[in-house]
Amino acid sequence: MKCRFRKALTEPAEETAKPPAENGFLRIFQRSGNILRRLVLALLLFYGRLIYNMNEKGW
């Protein structure tokens, strides 16, 4: 057990590891991106339906 623990302490950390703050920021950005995608889709559907209804009524 001691050998494994010492080896883990002496080996360099992985270069791909990110600090926790950066992970949190990216997670928030991904969530907001998902919300923005849903909002844009909802607006497109709403205006598409509105234009369709206006054409049906002959405006």
PDB file of N, CA and C in Angstrom:
ATOM      1  N   MET A   1       0.814  -1.201   0.000  1.00  0.00           N
ATOM      2  CA  MET A   1       0.000   0.000   0.000  1.00  0.00           C
ATOM      3  C   MET A   1       0.860   1.268   0.000  1.00  0.00           C
ATOM      4  N   LYS A   2       1.920   1.274   0.780  1.00  0.00           N
ATOM      5  CA  LYS A   2       2.761   2.463   0.856  1.00  0.00           C
ATOM      6  C   LYS A   2       3.411   2.769  -0.486  1.00  0.00           C
ATOM      7  N   CYS A   3       3.824   1.731  -1.215  1.00  0.00           N
ATOM      8  CA  CYS A   3       4.482   1.954  -2.502  1.00  0.00           C
ATOM      9  C   CYS A   3       3.536   2.617  -3.500  1.00  0.00           C
ATOM     10  N   ARG A   4       2.321   2.137  -3.551  1.00  0.00           N
ATOM     11  CA  ARG A   4       1.354   2.727  -4.484  1.00  0.00           C
ATOM     12  C   ARG A   4       1.074   4.186  -4.132  1.00  0.00           C
ATOM     13  N   PHE A   5       0.942   4.454  -2.840  1.00  0.00           N
ATOM     14  CA  PHE A   5       0.644   5.808  -2.411  1.00  0.00           C
ATOM     15  C   PHE A   5       1.795   6.745  -2.754  1.00  0.00           C
ATOM     16  N   ARG A   6       3.033   6.316  -2.510  1.00  0.00           N
ATOM     17  CA  ARG A   6       4.195   7.154  -2.823  1.00  0.00           C
ATOM     18  C   ARG A   6       4.323   7.368  -4.324  1.00  0.00           C
ATOM     19  N   LYS A   7       4.057   6.322  -5.090  1.00  0.00           N
ATOM     20  CA  LYS A   7       4.158   6.448  -6.543  1.00  0.00           C
ATOM     21  C   LYS A   7       3.136   7.463  -7.062  1.00  0.00           C
ATOM     22  N   ALA A   8       1.942   7.427  -6.500  1.00  0.00           N
ATOM     23  CA  ALA A   8       0.902   8.368  -6.918  1.00  0.00           C
ATOM     24  C   ALA A   8       1.291   9.807  -6.577  1.00  0.00           C
ATOM     25  N   LEU A   9       1.972   9.999  -5.475  1.00  0.00           N
ATOM     26  CA  LEU A   9       2.371  11.356  -5.090  1.00  0.00           C
ATOM     27  C   LEU A   9       3.513  11.883  -5.950  1.00  0.00           C
ATOM     28  N   THR A  10       4.401  10.992  -6.402  1.00  0.00           N
ATOM     29  CA  THR A  10       5.561  11.448  -7.161  1.00  0.00           C
ATOM     30  C   THR A  10       5.271  11.601  -8.646  1.00  0.00           C
ATOM     31  N   GLU A  11       4.244  10.926  -9.171  1.00  0.00           N
ATOM     32  CA  GLU A  11       3.930  11.041 -10.596  1.00  0.00           C
ATOM     33  C   GLU A  11       3.264  12.383 -10.883  1.00  0.00           C
ATOM     34  N   PRO A  12       3.542  12.978 -12.032  1.00  0.00           N
ATOM     35  CA  PRO A  12       2.879  14.245 -12.374  1.00  0.00           C
ATOM     36  C   PRO A  12       1.390  14.034 -12.651  1.00  0.00           C
ATOM     37  N   ALA A  13       0.622  15.045 -12.370  1.00  0.00           N
ATOM     38  CA  ALA A  13      -0.822  14.963 -12.613  1.00  0.00           C
ATOM     39  C   ALA A  13      -1.088  14.990 -14.114  1.00  0.00           C
ATOM     40  N   GLU A  14      -2.238  14.498 -14.500  1.00  0.00           N
ATOM     41  CA  GLU A  14      -2.594  14.499 -15.924  1.00  0.00           C
ATOM     42  C   GLU A  14      -2.733  15.932 -16.426  1.00  0.00           C
ATOM     43  N   GLU A  15      -2.281  16.156 -17.635  1.00  0.00           N
ATOM     44  CA  GLU A  15      -2.341  17.505 -18.196  1.00  0.00           C
ATOM     45  C   GLU A  15      -3.754  17.887 -18.617  1.00  0.00           C
ATOM     46  N   THR A  16      -4.599  16.887 -18.811  1.00  0.00           N
ATOM     47  CA  THR A  16      -5.955  17.182 -19.267  1.00  0.00           C
ATOM     48  C   THR A  16      -6.883  17.575 -18.123  1.00  0.00           C
ATOM     49  N   ALA A  17      -6.437  17.433 -16.902  1.00  0.00           N
ATOM     50  CA  ALA A  17      -7.296  17.771 -15.769  1.00  0.00           C
ATOM     51  C   ALA A  17      -7.560  19.276 -15.748  1.00  0.00           C
ATOM     52  N   LYS A  18      -8.807  19.648 -15.501  1.00  0.00           N
ATOM     53  CA  LYS A  18      -9.187  21.061 -15.474  1.00  0.00           C
ATOM     54  C   LYS A  18      -9.458  21.489 -14.036  1.00  0.00           C
ATOM     55  N   PRO A  19      -9.210  22.734 -13.711  1.00  0.00           N
ATOM     56  CA  PRO A  19      -9.552  23.208 -12.373  1.00  0.00           C
ATOM     57  C   PRO A  19     -11.067  23.200 -12.160  1.00  0.00           C
ATOM     58  N   PRO A  20     -11.507  23.039 -10.922  1.00  0.00           N
ATOM     59  CA  PRO A  20     -12.954  22.970 -10.653  1.00  0.00           C
ATOM     60  C   PRO A  20     -13.713  24.211 -11.104  1.00  0.00           C
ATOM     61  N   ALA A  21     -13.111  25.385 -10.999  1.00  0.00           N
ATOM     62  CA  ALA A  21     -13.812  26.614 -11.402  1.00  0.00           C
ATOM     63  C   ALA A  21     -14.111  26.593 -12.897  1.00  0.00           C
ATOM     64  N   GLU A  22     -13.161  26.115 -13.685  1.00  0.00           N
ATOM     65  CA  GLU A  22     -13.373  26.074 -15.132  1.00  0.00           C
ATOM     66  C   GLU A  22     -14.469  25.072 -15.484  1.00  0.00           C
ATOM     67  N   ASN A  23     -14.485  23.940 -14.793  1.00  0.00           N
ATOM     68  CA  ASN A  23     -15.538  22.955 -15.034  1.00  0.00           C
ATOM     69  C   ASN A  23     -16.907  23.540 -14.724  1.00  0.00           C
ATOM     70  N   GLY A  24     -17.011  24.272 -13.615  1.00  0.00           N
ATOM     71  CA  GLY A  24     -18.284  24.877 -13.246  1.00  0.00           C
ATOM     72  C   GLY A  24     -18.734  25.910 -14.262  1.00  0.00           C
ATOM     73  N   PHE A  25     -17.782  26.710 -14.754  1.00  0.00           N
ATOM     74  CA  PHE A  25     -18.123  27.731 -15.743  1.00  0.00           C
ATOM     75  C   PHE A  25     -18.608  27.087 -17.030  1.00  0.00           C
ATOM     76  N   LEU A  26     -17.922  26.047 -17.481  1.00  0.00           N
ATOM     77  CA  LEU A  26     -18.328  25.372 -18.718  1.00  0.00           C
ATOM     78  C   LEU A  26     -19.691  24.713 -18.557  1.00  0.00           C
ATOM     79  N   ARG A  27     -19.948  24.160 -17.382  1.00  0.00           N
ATOM     80  CA  ARG A  27     -21.239  23.512 -17.147  1.00  0.00           C
ATOM     81  C   ARG A  27     -22.368  24.545 -17.211  1.00  0.00           C
ATOM     82  N   ILE A  28     -22.160  25.717 -16.608  1.00  0.00           N
ATOM     83  CA  ILE A  28     -23.172  26.781 -16.656  1.00  0.00           C
ATOM     84  C   ILE A  28     -23.373  27.255 -18.091  1.00  0.00           C
ATOM     85  N   PHE A  29     -22.264  27.388 -18.838  1.00  0.00           N
ATOM     86  CA  PHE A  29     -22.358  27.841 -20.225  1.00  0.00           C
ATOM     87  C   PHE A  29     -23.130  26.836 -21.072  1.00  0.00           C
ATOM     88  N   GLN A  30     -22.905  25.547 -20.843  1.00  0.00           N
ATOM     89  CA  GLN A  30     -23.622  24.528 -21.609  1.00  0.00           C
ATOM     90  C   GLN A  30     -25.110  24.570 -21.280  1.00  0.00           C
ATOM     91  N   ARG A  31     -25.435  24.765 -20.011  1.00  0.00           N
ATOM     92  CA  ARG A  31     -26.855  24.842 -19.637  1.00  0.00           C
ATOM     93  C   ARG A  31     -27.519  26.053 -20.274  1.00  0.00           C
ATOM     94  N   SER A  32     -26.846  27.194 -20.241  1.00  0.00           N
ATOM     95  CA  SER A  32     -27.440  28.397 -20.826  1.00  0.00           C
ATOM     96  C   SER A  32     -27.556  28.245 -22.332  1.00  0.00           C
ATOM     97  N   GLY A  33     -26.601  27.565 -22.953  1.00  0.00           N
ATOM     98  CA  GLY A  33     -26.687  27.304 -24.384  1.00  0.00           C
ATOM     99  C   GLY A  33     -27.884  26.446 -24.716  1.00  0.00           C
ATOM    100  N   ASN A  34     -28.162  25.470 -23.871  1.00  0.00           N
ATOM    101  CA  ASN A  34     -29.313  24.603 -24.082  1.00  0.00           C
ATOM    102  C   ASN A  34     -30.610  25.399 -23.939  1.00  0.00           C
ATOM    103  N   ILE A  35     -30.672  26.285 -22.961  1.00  0.00           N
ATOM    104  CA  ILE A  35     -31.862  27.119 -22.764  1.00  0.00           C
ATOM    105  C   ILE A  35     -32.047  28.058 -23.955  1.00  0.00           C
ATOM    106  N   LEU A  36     -30.949  28.624 -24.448  1.00  0.00           N
ATOM    107  CA  LEU A  36     -31.038  29.526 -25.604  1.00  0.00           C
ATOM    108  C   LEU A  36     -31.527  28.785 -26.841  1.00  0.00           C
ATOM    109  N   ARG A  37     -31.062  27.553 -27.041  1.00  0.00           N
ATOM    110  CA  ARG A  37     -31.533  26.770 -28.192  1.00  0.00           C
ATOM    111  C   ARG A  37     -33.031  26.538 -28.109  1.00  0.00           C
ATOM    112  N   ARG A  38     -33.513  26.197 -26.918  1.00  0.00           N
ATOM    113  CA  ARG A  38     -34.954  25.958 -26.748  1.00  0.00           C
ATOM    114  C   ARG A  38     -35.753  27.235 -26.978  1.00  0.00           C
ATOM    115  N   LEU A  39     -35.227  28.359 -26.503  1.00  0.00           N
ATOM    116  CA  LEU A  39     -35.915  29.633 -26.671  1.00  0.00           C
ATOM    117  C   LEU A  39     -36.004  30.016 -28.142  1.00  0.00           C
ATOM    118  N   VAL A  40     -34.912  29.861 -28.880  1.00  0.00           N
ATOM    119  CA  VAL A  40     -34.916  30.188 -30.309  1.00  0.00           C
ATOM    120  C   VAL A  40     -35.879  29.280 -31.053  1.00  0.00           C
ATOM    121  N   LEU A  41     -35.880  28.002 -30.732  1.00  0.00           N
ATOM    122  CA  LEU A  41     -36.801  27.068 -31.386  1.00  0.00           C
ATOM    123  C   LEU A  41     -38.254  27.442 -31.097  1.00  0.00           C
ATOM    124  N   ALA A  42     -38.550  27.800 -29.848  1.00  0.00           N
ATOM    125  CA  ALA A  42     -39.914  28.186 -29.493  1.00  0.00           C
ATOM    126  C   ALA A  42     -40.336  29.448 -30.244  1.00  0.00           C
ATOM    127  N   LEU A  43     -39.441  30.423 -30.364  1.00  0.00           N
ATOM    128  CA  LEU A  43     -39.774  31.652 -31.092  1.00  0.00           C
ATOM    129  C   LEU A  43     -40.001  31.376 -32.575  1.00  0.00           C
ATOM    130  N   LEU A  44     -39.170  30.524 -33.174  1.00  0.00           N
ATOM    131  CA  LEU A  44     -39.356  30.181 -34.582  1.00  0.00           C
ATOM    132  C   LEU A  44     -40.693  29.489 -34.808  1.00  0.00           C
ATOM    133  N   LEU A  45     -41.042  28.573 -33.931  1.00  0.00           N
ATOM    134  CA  LEU A  45     -42.325  27.880 -34.065  1.00  0.00           C
ATOM    135  C   LEU A  45     -43.493  28.846 -33.890  1.00  0.00           C
ATOM    136  N   PHE A  46     -43.376  29.756 -32.916  1.00  0.00           N
ATOM    137  CA  PHE A  46     -44.448  30.714 -32.665  1.00  0.00           C
ATOM    138  C   PHE A  46     -44.664  31.628 -33.869  1.00  0.00           C
ATOM    139  N   TYR A  47     -43.570  32.216 -34.386  1.00  0.00           N
ATOM    140  CA  TYR A  47     -43.715  33.128 -35.522  1.00  0.00           C
ATOM    141  C   TYR A  47     -44.105  32.386 -36.794  1.00  0.00           C
ATOM    142  N   GLY A  48     -43.635  31.170 -36.962  1.00  0.00           N
ATOM    143  CA  GLY A  48     -44.048  30.373 -38.114  1.00  0.00           C
ATOM    144  C   GLY A  48     -45.536  30.099 -38.086  1.00  0.00           C
ATOM    145  N   ARG A  49     -46.042  29.750 -36.922  1.00  0.00           N
ATOM    146  CA  ARG A  49     -47.482  29.487 -36.783  1.00  0.00           C
ATOM    147  C   ARG A  49     -48.287  30.779 -36.986  1.00  0.00           C
ATOM    148  N   LEU A  50     -47.779  31.893 -36.479  1.00  0.00           N
ATOM    149  CA  LEU A  50     -48.457  33.175 -36.635  1.00  0.00           C
ATOM    150  C   LEU A  50     -48.557  33.562 -38.110  1.00  0.00           C
ATOM    151  N   ILE A  51     -47.463  33.419 -38.847  1.00  0.00           N
ATOM    152  CA  ILE A  51     -47.477  33.745 -40.279  1.00  0.00           C
ATOM    153  C   ILE A  51     -48.399  32.798 -41.033  1.00  0.00           C
ATOM    154  N   TYR A  52     -48.377  31.523 -40.668  1.00  0.00           N
ATOM    155  CA  TYR A  52     -49.253  30.544 -41.313  1.00  0.00           C
ATOM    156  C   TYR A  52     -50.724  30.918 -41.105  1.00  0.00           C
ATOM    157  N   ASN A  53     -51.074  31.296 -39.883  1.00  0.00           N
ATOM    158  CA  ASN A  53     -52.461  31.678 -39.591  1.00  0.00           C
ATOM    159  C   ASN A  53     -52.848  32.953 -40.333  1.00  0.00           C
ATOM    160  N   MET A  54     -51.916  33.904 -40.452  1.00  0.00           N
ATOM    161  CA  MET A  54     -52.219  35.137 -41.181  1.00  0.00           C
ATOM    162  C   MET A  54     -52.466  34.835 -42.660  1.00  0.00           C
ATOM    163  N   ASN A  55     -51.712  33.914 -43.241  1.00  0.00           N
ATOM    164  CA  ASN A  55     -51.913  33.549 -44.641  1.00  0.00           C
ATOM    165  C   ASN A  55     -53.233  32.813 -44.835  1.00  0.00           C
ATOM    166  N   GLU A  56     -53.618  32.005 -43.870  1.00  0.00           N
ATOM    167  CA  GLU A  56     -54.887  31.269 -43.970  1.00  0.00           C
ATOM    168  C   GLU A  56     -56.077  32.231 -43.935  1.00  0.00           C
ATOM    169  N   LYS A  57     -55.963  33.293 -43.144  1.00  0.00           N
ATOM    170  CA  LYS A  57     -57.062  34.252 -43.031  1.00  0.00           C
ATOM    171  C   LYS A  57     -57.066  35.245 -44.189  1.00  0.00           C
ATOM    172  N   GLY A  58     -55.989  35.304 -44.958  1.00  0.00           N
ATOM    173  CA  GLY A  58     -55.924  36.189 -46.105  1.00  0.00           C
ATOM    174  C   GLY A  58     -55.539  37.613 -45.762  1.00  0.00           C
ATOM    175  N   TRP A  59     -54.700  37.803 -44.773  1.00  0.00           N
ATOM    176  CA  TRP A  59     -54.283  39.149 -44.384  1.00  0.00           C
ATOM    177  C   TRP A  59     -53.314  39.691 -45.378  1.00  0.00           C
TER     178      TRP A  59
END
